[in-house]
């Protein structure tokens, strides 16, 4: 079942994000089978807003929680907060799943 994980970086932690980015991208590659979509949140001018969104296909909230706990960004204490919400997949890649 899909879950939306939204992360919010601590203010002033852009250097922490940059320092852990390579490990974070490796983590995403290792877990790509669980990722329906993910990416950083950006301002209209393309600058980083400090946080991201992951839409993951896992069996439970506990698995979604475990996944974000394993993210290198969590290990470096980047996040101010993380919201995990069950998500209904209605449309994805132009396909109707209702």
PDB file of N, CA and C in Angstrom:
ATOM      1  N   UNK A   1       0.845  -1.176   0.000  1.00  0.00           N
ATOM      2  CA  UNK A   1       0.000   0.000   0.000  1.00  0.00           C
ATOM      3  C   UNK A   1       0.889   1.238   0.000  1.00  0.00           C
ATOM      4  N   UNK A   2       0.525   2.213  -0.758  1.00  0.00           N
ATOM      5  CA  UNK A   2       1.375   3.400  -0.868  1.00  0.00           C
ATOM      6  C   UNK A   2       1.275   4.326   0.345  1.00  0.00           C
ATOM      7  N   UNK A   3       2.411   4.912   0.658  1.00  0.00           N
ATOM      8  CA  UNK A   3       2.508   5.942   1.686  1.00  0.00           C
ATOM      9  C   UNK A   3       3.263   7.135   1.115  1.00  0.00           C
ATOM     10  N   UNK A   4       2.852   8.317   1.539  1.00  0.00           N
ATOM     11  CA  UNK A   4       3.547   9.562   1.219  1.00  0.00           C
ATOM     12  C   UNK A   4       4.387   9.927   2.438  1.00  0.00           C
ATOM     13  N   UNK A   5       5.669  10.064   2.225  1.00  0.00           N
ATOM     14  CA  UNK A   5       6.575  10.508   3.280  1.00  0.00           C
ATOM     15  C   UNK A   5       7.060  11.894   2.889  1.00  0.00           C
ATOM     16  N   UNK A   6       6.761  12.882   3.724  1.00  0.00           N
ATOM     17  CA  UNK A   6       7.220  14.249   3.459  1.00  0.00           C
ATOM     18  C   UNK A   6       8.193  14.647   4.552  1.00  0.00           C
ATOM     19  N   UNK A   7       9.369  15.103   4.128  1.00  0.00           N
ATOM     20  CA  UNK A   7      10.388  15.501   5.091  1.00  0.00           C
ATOM     21  C   UNK A   7      10.596  17.005   5.046  1.00  0.00           C
ATOM     22  N   UNK A   8      10.972  17.547   6.181  1.00  0.00           N
ATOM     23  CA  UNK A   8      11.231  18.976   6.344  1.00  0.00           C
ATOM     24  C   UNK A   8      12.589  19.122   7.020  1.00  0.00           C
ATOM     25  N   UNK A   9      13.547  19.725   6.324  1.00  0.00           N
ATOM     26  CA  UNK A   9      14.888  19.899   6.879  1.00  0.00           C
ATOM     27  C   UNK A   9      14.884  20.913   8.014  1.00  0.00           C
ATOM     28  N   UNK A  10      15.829  20.734   8.910  1.00  0.00           N
ATOM     29  CA  UNK A  10      16.057  21.742   9.939  1.00  0.00           C
ATOM     30  C   UNK A  10      16.580  23.006   9.254  1.00  0.00           C
ATOM     31  N   UNK A  11      16.183  24.168   9.731  1.00  0.00           N
ATOM     32  CA  UNK A  11      16.697  25.408   9.144  1.00  0.00           C
ATOM     33  C   UNK A  11      18.216  25.469   9.229  1.00  0.00           C
ATOM     34  N   UNK A  12      18.829  26.005   8.180  1.00  0.00           N
ATOM     35  CA  UNK A  12      20.263  26.192   8.169  1.00  0.00           C
ATOM     36  C   UNK A  12      21.073  24.911   8.006  1.00  0.00           C
ATOM     37  N   UNK A  13      20.451  23.865   7.513  1.00  0.00           N
ATOM     38  CA  UNK A  13      21.135  22.570   7.389  1.00  0.00           C
ATOM     39  C   UNK A  13      21.440  22.189   5.939  1.00  0.00           C
ATOM     40  N   UNK A  14      21.540  23.171   5.055  1.00  0.00           N
ATOM     41  CA  UNK A  14      21.831  22.880   3.649  1.00  0.00           C
ATOM     42  C   UNK A  14      23.182  22.179   3.482  1.00  0.00           C
ATOM     43  N   UNK A  15      24.172  22.546   4.302  1.00  0.00           N
ATOM     44  CA  UNK A  15      25.480  21.883   4.223  1.00  0.00           C
ATOM     45  C   UNK A  15      25.387  20.420   4.666  1.00  0.00           C
ATOM     46  N   UNK A  16      24.545  20.139   5.636  1.00  0.00           N
ATOM     47  CA  UNK A  16      24.337  18.756   6.085  1.00  0.00           C
ATOM     48  C   UNK A  16      23.726  17.945   4.944  1.00  0.00           C
ATOM     49  N   UNK A  17      22.729  18.521   4.271  1.00  0.00           N
ATOM     50  CA  UNK A  17      22.089  17.851   3.129  1.00  0.00           C
ATOM     51  C   UNK A  17      23.127  17.560   2.042  1.00  0.00           C
ATOM     52  N   UNK A  18      23.918  18.564   1.701  1.00  0.00           N
ATOM     53  CA  UNK A  18      24.922  18.385   0.643  1.00  0.00           C
ATOM     54  C   UNK A  18      25.945  17.313   1.023  1.00  0.00           C
ATOM     55  N   UNK A  19      26.347  17.290   2.276  1.00  0.00           N
ATOM     56  CA  UNK A  19      27.348  16.334   2.730  1.00  0.00           C
ATOM     57  C   UNK A  19      26.880  14.887   2.694  1.00  0.00           C
ATOM     58  N   UNK A  20      25.581  14.670   2.875  1.00  0.00           N
ATOM     59  CA  UNK A  20      25.027  13.306   2.903  1.00  0.00           C
ATOM     60  C   UNK A  20      24.349  12.915   1.596  1.00  0.00           C
ATOM     61  N   UNK A  21      24.368  13.803   0.608  1.00  0.00           N
ATOM     62  CA  UNK A  21      23.610  13.563  -0.630  1.00  0.00           C
ATOM     63  C   UNK A  21      24.059  12.312  -1.370  1.00  0.00           C
ATOM     64  N   UNK A  22      25.348  12.079  -1.496  1.00  0.00           N
ATOM     65  CA  UNK A  22      25.824  10.900  -2.234  1.00  0.00           C
ATOM     66  C   UNK A  22      25.340   9.610  -1.570  1.00  0.00           C
ATOM     67  N   UNK A  23      25.436   9.523  -0.256  1.00  0.00           N
ATOM     68  CA  UNK A  23      24.952   8.340   0.465  1.00  0.00           C
ATOM     69  C   UNK A  23      23.441   8.204   0.334  1.00  0.00           C
ATOM     70  N   UNK A  24      22.725   9.329   0.347  1.00  0.00           N
ATOM     71  CA  UNK A  24      21.266   9.330   0.181  1.00  0.00           C
ATOM     72  C   UNK A  24      20.887   8.783  -1.201  1.00  0.00           C
ATOM     73  N   UNK A  25      21.593   9.223  -2.244  1.00  0.00           N
ATOM     74  CA  UNK A  25      21.292   8.735  -3.594  1.00  0.00           C
ATOM     75  C   UNK A  25      21.578   7.242  -3.727  1.00  0.00           C
ATOM     76  N   UNK A  26      22.617   6.752  -3.072  1.00  0.00           N
ATOM     77  CA  UNK A  26      22.898   5.309  -3.056  1.00  0.00           C
ATOM     78  C   UNK A  26      21.774   4.551  -2.344  1.00  0.00           C
ATOM     79  N   UNK A  27      21.284   5.111  -1.253  1.00  0.00           N
ATOM     80  CA  UNK A  27      20.153   4.531  -0.519  1.00  0.00           C
ATOM     81  C   UNK A  27      18.923   4.434  -1.426  1.00  0.00           C
ATOM     82  N   UNK A  28      18.630   5.505  -2.164  1.00  0.00           N
ATOM     83  CA  UNK A  28      17.483   5.483  -3.071  1.00  0.00           C
ATOM     84  C   UNK A  28      17.659   4.414  -4.142  1.00  0.00           C
ATOM     85  N   UNK A  29      18.842   4.284  -4.673  1.00  0.00           N
ATOM     86  CA  UNK A  29      19.105   3.269  -5.697  1.00  0.00           C
ATOM     87  C   UNK A  29      18.874   1.865  -5.130  1.00  0.00           C
ATOM     88  N   UNK A  30      19.328   1.618  -3.921  1.00  0.00           N
ATOM     89  CA  UNK A  30      19.138   0.304  -3.288  1.00  0.00           C
ATOM     90  C   UNK A  30      17.665   0.006  -3.030  1.00  0.00           C
ATOM     91  N   UNK A  31      16.866   1.046  -2.841  1.00  0.00           N
ATOM     92  CA  UNK A  31      15.453   0.877  -2.493  1.00  0.00           C
ATOM     93  C   UNK A  31      14.504   1.250  -3.624  1.00  0.00           C
ATOM     94  N   UNK A  32      14.999   1.345  -4.842  1.00  0.00           N
ATOM     95  CA  UNK A  32      14.182   1.837  -5.957  1.00  0.00           C
ATOM     96  C   UNK A  32      12.949   0.986  -6.225  1.00  0.00           C
ATOM     97  N   UNK A  33      12.955  -0.268  -5.874  1.00  0.00           N
ATOM     98  CA  UNK A  33      11.774  -1.114  -6.085  1.00  0.00           C
ATOM     99  C   UNK A  33      10.592  -0.669  -5.219  1.00  0.00           C
ATOM    100  N   UNK A  34      10.871   0.029  -4.129  1.00  0.00           N
ATOM    101  CA  UNK A  34       9.814   0.511  -3.231  1.00  0.00           C
ATOM    102  C   UNK A  34       9.351   1.924  -3.575  1.00  0.00           C
ATOM    103  N   UNK A  35      10.076   2.610  -4.459  1.00  0.00           N
ATOM    104  CA  UNK A  35       9.798   4.012  -4.749  1.00  0.00           C
ATOM    105  C   UNK A  35       8.870   4.153  -5.951  1.00  0.00           C
ATOM    106  N   UNK A  36       7.702   4.736  -5.740  1.00  0.00           N
ATOM    107  CA  UNK A  36       6.835   5.113  -6.852  1.00  0.00           C
ATOM    108  C   UNK A  36       7.284   6.453  -7.406  1.00  0.00           C
ATOM    109  N   UNK A  37       7.743   7.319  -6.512  1.00  0.00           N
ATOM    110  CA  UNK A  37       8.266   8.639  -6.890  1.00  0.00           C
ATOM    111  C   UNK A  37       9.000   9.204  -5.679  1.00  0.00           C
ATOM    112  N   UNK A  38       9.949  10.083  -5.944  1.00  0.00           N
ATOM    113  CA  UNK A  38      10.592  10.803  -4.849  1.00  0.00           C
ATOM    114  C   UNK A  38      11.392  11.964  -5.430  1.00  0.00           C
ATOM    115  N   UNK A  39      11.674  12.926  -4.573  1.00  0.00           N
ATOM    116  CA  UNK A  39      12.474  14.060  -5.003  1.00  0.00           C
ATOM    117  C   UNK A  39      12.429  15.184  -3.996  1.00  0.00           C
ATOM    118  N   UNK A  40      13.320  16.140  -4.198  1.00  0.00           N
ATOM    119  CA  UNK A  40      13.414  17.311  -3.330  1.00  0.00           C
ATOM    120  C   UNK A  40      12.303  18.306  -3.642  1.00  0.00           C
ATOM    121  N   UNK A  41      11.926  19.064  -2.630  1.00  0.00           N
ATOM    122  CA  UNK A  41      10.976  20.162  -2.821  1.00  0.00           C
ATOM    123  C   UNK A  41      11.772  21.401  -3.215  1.00  0.00           C
ATOM    124  N   UNK A  42      11.298  22.082  -4.256  1.00  0.00           N
ATOM    125  CA  UNK A  42      12.008  23.233  -4.797  1.00  0.00           C
ATOM    126  C   UNK A  42      11.131  24.471  -4.829  1.00  0.00           C
ATOM    127  N   UNK A  43      11.749  25.621  -4.706  1.00  0.00           N
ATOM    128  CA  UNK A  43      11.073  26.898  -4.929  1.00  0.00           C
ATOM    129  C   UNK A  43      10.873  27.081  -6.429  1.00  0.00           C
ATOM    130  N   UNK A  44      10.042  28.024  -6.821  1.00  0.00           N
ATOM    131  CA  UNK A  44       9.777  28.276  -8.238  1.00  0.00           C
ATOM    132  C   UNK A  44      11.043  28.608  -9.019  1.00  0.00           C
ATOM    133  N   UNK A  45      12.044  29.181  -8.353  1.00  0.00           N
ATOM    134  CA  UNK A  45      13.286  29.516  -9.057  1.00  0.00           C
ATOM    135  C   UNK A  45      14.263  28.338  -9.107  1.00  0.00           C
ATOM    136  N   UNK A  46      13.849  27.182  -8.579  1.00  0.00           N
ATOM    137  CA  UNK A  46      14.666  25.980  -8.635  1.00  0.00           C
ATOM    138  C   UNK A  46      15.575  25.762  -7.443  1.00  0.00           C
ATOM    139  N   UNK A  47      15.578  26.690  -6.492  1.00  0.00           N
ATOM    140  CA  UNK A  47      16.411  26.507  -5.309  1.00  0.00           C
ATOM    141  C   UNK A  47      15.763  25.503  -4.354  1.00  0.00           C
ATOM    142  N   UNK A  48      16.599  24.843  -3.594  1.00  0.00           N
ATOM    143  CA  UNK A  48      16.166  23.804  -2.663  1.00  0.00           C
ATOM    144  C   UNK A  48      15.399  24.421  -1.501  1.00  0.00           C
ATOM    145  N   UNK A  49      14.224  23.871  -1.215  1.00  0.00           N
ATOM    146  CA  UNK A  49      13.417  24.358  -0.091  1.00  0.00           C
ATOM    147  C   UNK A  49      13.744  23.645   1.211  1.00  0.00           C
ATOM    148  N   UNK A  50      14.557  22.602   1.155  1.00  0.00           N
ATOM    149  CA  UNK A  50      14.920  21.909   2.385  1.00  0.00           C
ATOM    150  C   UNK A  50      13.917  20.859   2.791  1.00  0.00           C
ATOM    151  N   UNK A  51      13.864  19.820   2.052  1.00  0.00           N
ATOM    152  CA  UNK A  51      12.975  18.698   2.365  1.00  0.00           C
ATOM    153  C   UNK A  51      12.652  17.941   1.106  1.00  0.00           C
ATOM    154  N   UNK A  52      11.916  16.873   1.264  1.00  0.00           N
ATOM    155  CA  UNK A  52      11.589  16.058   0.104  1.00  0.00           C
ATOM    156  C   UNK A  52      10.291  15.313   0.271  1.00  0.00           C
ATOM    157  N   UNK A  53       9.937  14.628  -0.805  1.00  0.00           N
ATOM    158  CA  UNK A  53       8.734  13.800  -0.829  1.00  0.00           C
ATOM    159  C   UNK A  53       9.114  12.441  -1.391  1.00  0.00           C
ATOM    160  N   UNK A  54       8.669  11.413  -0.719  1.00  0.00           N
ATOM    161  CA  UNK A  54       8.829  10.040  -1.173  1.00  0.00           C
ATOM    162  C   UNK A  54       7.427   9.444  -1.245  1.00  0.00           C
ATOM    163  N   UNK A  55       7.080   8.828  -2.339  1.00  0.00           N
ATOM    164  CA  UNK A  55       5.857   8.029  -2.399  1.00  0.00           C
ATOM    165  C   UNK A  55       6.339   6.592  -2.538  1.00  0.00           C
ATOM    166  N   UNK A  56       6.075   5.806  -1.513  1.00  0.00           N
ATOM    167  CA  UNK A  56       6.631   4.465  -1.426  1.00  0.00           C
ATOM    168  C   UNK A  56       5.519   3.416  -1.446  1.00  0.00           C
ATOM    169  N   UNK A  57       5.839   2.269  -2.010  1.00  0.00           N
ATOM    170  CA  UNK A  57       4.916   1.135  -2.049  1.00  0.00           C
ATOM    171  C   UNK A  57       5.446   0.079  -1.095  1.00  0.00           C
ATOM    172  N   UNK A  58       4.899   0.069   0.113  1.00  0.00           N
ATOM    173  CA  UNK A  58       5.311  -0.856   1.165  1.00  0.00           C
ATOM    174  C   UNK A  58       4.068  -1.492   1.770  1.00  0.00           C
ATOM    175  N   UNK A  59       4.253  -2.494   2.610  1.00  0.00           N
ATOM    176  CA  UNK A  59       3.118  -3.243   3.150  1.00  0.00           C
ATOM    177  C   UNK A  59       2.466  -2.613   4.374  1.00  0.00           C
ATOM    178  N   UNK A  60       3.175  -1.694   5.043  1.00  0.00           N
ATOM    179  CA  UNK A  60       2.621  -1.147   6.283  1.00  0.00           C
ATOM    180  C   UNK A  60       3.274   0.190   6.624  1.00  0.00           C
ATOM    181  N   UNK A  61       2.638   0.903   7.554  1.00  0.00           N
ATOM    182  CA  UNK A  61       3.215   2.144   8.081  1.00  0.00           C
ATOM    183  C   UNK A  61       4.559   1.844   8.737  1.00  0.00           C
ATOM    184  N   UNK A  62       4.646   0.725   9.435  1.00  0.00           N
ATOM    185  CA  UNK A  62       5.907   0.365  10.094  1.00  0.00           C
ATOM    186  C   UNK A  62       7.033   0.236   9.066  1.00  0.00           C
ATOM    187  N   UNK A  63       6.736  -0.325   7.899  1.00  0.00           N
ATOM    188  CA  UNK A  63       7.759  -0.443   6.863  1.00  0.00           C
ATOM    189  C   UNK A  63       8.146   0.929   6.297  1.00  0.00           C
ATOM    190  N   UNK A  64       7.172   1.823   6.163  1.00  0.00           N
ATOM    191  CA  UNK A  64       7.471   3.194   5.712  1.00  0.00           C
ATOM    192  C   UNK A  64       8.351   3.901   6.743  1.00  0.00           C
ATOM    193  N   UNK A  65       8.030   3.733   8.017  1.00  0.00           N
ATOM    194  CA  UNK A  65       8.831   4.331   9.083  1.00  0.00           C
ATOM    195  C   UNK A  65      10.253   3.770   9.083  1.00  0.00           C
ATOM    196  N   UNK A  66      10.373   2.462   8.883  1.00  0.00           N
ATOM    197  CA  UNK A  66      11.695   1.833   8.855  1.00  0.00           C
ATOM    198  C   UNK A  66      12.508   2.326   7.667  1.00  0.00           C
ATOM    199  N   UNK A  67      11.847   2.513   6.539  1.00  0.00           N
ATOM    200  CA  UNK A  67      12.540   2.972   5.341  1.00  0.00           C
ATOM    201  C   UNK A  67      13.142   4.361   5.552  1.00  0.00           C
ATOM    202  N   UNK A  68      12.360   5.295   6.051  1.00  0.00           N
ATOM    203  CA  UNK A  68      12.890   6.647   6.242  1.00  0.00           C
ATOM    204  C   UNK A  68      13.928   6.662   7.368  1.00  0.00           C
ATOM    205  N   UNK A  69      13.813   5.769   8.328  1.00  0.00           N
ATOM    206  CA  UNK A  69      14.811   5.681   9.400  1.00  0.00           C
ATOM    207  C   UNK A  69      16.161   5.224   8.857  1.00  0.00           C
ATOM    208  N   UNK A  70      16.165   4.465   7.764  1.00  0.00           N
ATOM    209  CA  UNK A  70      17.398   3.966   7.157  1.00  0.00           C
ATOM    210  C   UNK A  70      18.040   4.977   6.199  1.00  0.00           C
ATOM    211  N   UNK A  71      17.335   6.034   5.860  1.00  0.00           N
ATOM    212  CA  UNK A  71      17.857   7.040   4.937  1.00  0.00           C
ATOM    213  C   UNK A  71      19.060   7.740   5.577  1.00  0.00           C
ATOM    214  N   UNK A  72      20.167   7.869   4.852  1.00  0.00           N
ATOM    215  CA  UNK A  72      21.324   8.587   5.408  1.00  0.00           C
ATOM    216  C   UNK A  72      21.004  10.009   5.876  1.00  0.00           C
ATOM    217  N   UNK A  73      20.015  10.645   5.288  1.00  0.00           N
ATOM    218  CA  UNK A  73      19.621  11.967   5.773  1.00  0.00           C
ATOM    219  C   UNK A  73      19.112  11.891   7.217  1.00  0.00           C
ATOM    220  N   UNK A  74      18.460  10.797   7.576  1.00  0.00           N
ATOM    221  CA  UNK A  74      18.018  10.618   8.960  1.00  0.00           C
ATOM    222  C   UNK A  74      19.230  10.429   9.864  1.00  0.00           C
ATOM    223  N   UNK A  75      20.205   9.652   9.400  1.00  0.00           N
ATOM    224  CA  UNK A  75      21.397   9.365  10.205  1.00  0.00           C
ATOM    225  C   UNK A  75      22.192  10.625  10.545  1.00  0.00           C
ATOM    226  N   UNK A  76      22.166  11.624   9.665  1.00  0.00           N
ATOM    227  CA  UNK A  76      22.905  12.874   9.933  1.00  0.00           C
ATOM    228  C   UNK A  76      22.020  13.924  10.596  1.00  0.00           C
ATOM    229  N   UNK A  77      20.816  13.502  11.025  1.00  0.00           N
ATOM    230  CA  UNK A  77      19.892  14.372  11.771  1.00  0.00           C
ATOM    231  C   UNK A  77      19.487  15.614  10.974  1.00  0.00           C
ATOM    232  N   UNK A  78      19.215  15.400   9.680  1.00  0.00           N
ATOM    233  CA  UNK A  78      18.842  16.509   8.801  1.00  0.00           C
ATOM    234  C   UNK A  78      17.416  16.992   9.043  1.00  0.00           C
ATOM    235  N   UNK A  79      16.519  16.087   9.364  1.00  0.00           N
ATOM    236  CA  UNK A  79      15.098  16.427   9.361  1.00  0.00           C
ATOM    237  C   UNK A  79      14.622  17.061  10.660  1.00  0.00           C
ATOM    238  N   UNK A  80      13.876  18.147  10.501  1.00  0.00           N
ATOM    239  CA  UNK A  80      13.176  18.765  11.622  1.00  0.00           C
ATOM    240  C   UNK A  80      11.939  17.947  11.958  1.00  0.00           C
ATOM    241  N   UNK A  81      11.269  17.479  10.897  1.00  0.00           N
ATOM    242  CA  UNK A  81      10.098  16.614  11.088  1.00  0.00           C
ATOM    243  C   UNK A  81       9.857  15.795   9.831  1.00  0.00           C
ATOM    244  N   UNK A  82       9.118  14.701  10.029  1.00  0.00           N
ATOM    245  CA  UNK A  82       8.752  13.794   8.949  1.00  0.00           C
ATOM    246  C   UNK A  82       7.273  13.462   9.115  1.00  0.00           C
ATOM    247  N   UNK A  83       6.499  13.624   8.051  1.00  0.00           N
ATOM    248  CA  UNK A  83       5.092  13.233   8.050  1.00  0.00           C
ATOM    249  C   UNK A  83       4.929  12.001   7.172  1.00  0.00           C
ATOM    250  N   UNK A  84       4.225  11.006   7.689  1.00  0.00           N
ATOM    251  CA  UNK A  84       3.934   9.798   6.918  1.00  0.00           C
ATOM    252  C   UNK A  84       2.427   9.650   6.854  1.00  0.00           C
ATOM    253  N   UNK A  85       1.904   9.584   5.616  1.00  0.00           N
ATOM    254  CA  UNK A  85       0.465   9.538   5.383  1.00  0.00           C
ATOM    255  C   UNK A  85       0.151   8.443   4.372  1.00  0.00           C
ATOM    256  N   UNK A  86      -0.834   7.619   4.679  1.00  0.00           N
ATOM    257  CA  UNK A  86      -1.259   6.627   3.692  1.00  0.00           C
ATOM    258  C   UNK A  86      -1.806   7.372   2.478  1.00  0.00           C
ATOM    259  N   UNK A  87      -1.554   6.833   1.303  1.00  0.00           N
ATOM    260  CA  UNK A  87      -1.892   7.523   0.045  1.00  0.00           C
ATOM    261  C   UNK A  87      -2.683   6.597  -0.859  1.00  0.00           C
ATOM    262  N   UNK A  88      -3.730   7.127  -1.458  1.00  0.00           N
ATOM    263  CA  UNK A  88      -4.515   6.364  -2.441  1.00  0.00           C
ATOM    264  C   UNK A  88      -3.971   6.644  -3.828  1.00  0.00           C
ATOM    265  N   UNK A  89      -3.529   5.608  -4.473  1.00  0.00           N
ATOM    266  CA  UNK A  89      -3.009   5.735  -5.839  1.00  0.00           C
ATOM    267  C   UNK A  89      -4.213   5.786  -6.779  1.00  0.00           C
ATOM    268  N   UNK A  90      -4.539   6.979  -7.262  1.00  0.00           N
ATOM    269  CA  UNK A  90      -5.656   7.158  -8.192  1.00  0.00           C
ATOM    270  C   UNK A  90      -5.141   7.174  -9.631  1.00  0.00           C
ATOM    271  N   UNK A  91      -4.178   8.014  -9.893  1.00  0.00           N
ATOM    272  CA  UNK A  91      -3.537   8.094 -11.219  1.00  0.00           C
ATOM    273  C   UNK A  91      -2.026   8.082 -11.019  1.00  0.00           C
ATOM    274  N   UNK A  92      -1.359   7.342 -11.848  1.00  0.00           N
ATOM    275  CA  UNK A  92       0.094   7.295 -11.840  1.00  0.00           C
ATOM    276  C   UNK A  92       0.561   7.001 -13.241  1.00  0.00           C
ATOM    277  N   UNK A  93       1.466   7.810 -13.748  1.00  0.00           N
ATOM    278  CA  UNK A  93       1.971   7.668 -15.123  1.00  0.00           C
ATOM    279  C   UNK A  93       0.840   7.625 -16.152  1.00  0.00           C
ATOM    280  N   UNK A  94      -0.185   8.433 -15.905  1.00  0.00           N
ATOM    281  CA  UNK A  94      -1.303   8.512 -16.847  1.00  0.00           C
ATOM    282  C   UNK A  94      -2.270   7.341 -16.786  1.00  0.00           C
ATOM    283  N   UNK A  95      -2.103   6.452 -15.811  1.00  0.00           N
ATOM    284  CA  UNK A  95      -2.994   5.295 -15.677  1.00  0.00           C
ATOM    285  C   UNK A  95      -3.923   5.483 -14.514  1.00  0.00           C
ATOM    286  N   UNK A  96      -5.171   5.051 -14.695  1.00  0.00           N
ATOM    287  CA  UNK A  96      -6.181   5.113 -13.647  1.00  0.00           C
ATOM    288  C   UNK A  96      -6.131   3.832 -12.838  1.00  0.00           C
ATOM    289  N   UNK A  97      -5.987   3.963 -11.511  1.00  0.00           N
ATOM    290  CA  UNK A  97      -5.937   2.816 -10.628  1.00  0.00           C
ATOM    291  C   UNK A  97      -7.176   2.702  -9.739  1.00  0.00           C
ATOM    292  N   UNK A  98      -8.204   3.500 -10.022  1.00  0.00           N
ATOM    293  CA  UNK A  98      -9.411   3.457  -9.210  1.00  0.00           C
ATOM    294  C   UNK A  98     -10.324   2.319  -9.625  1.00  0.00           C
TER     295      UNK A  98
END
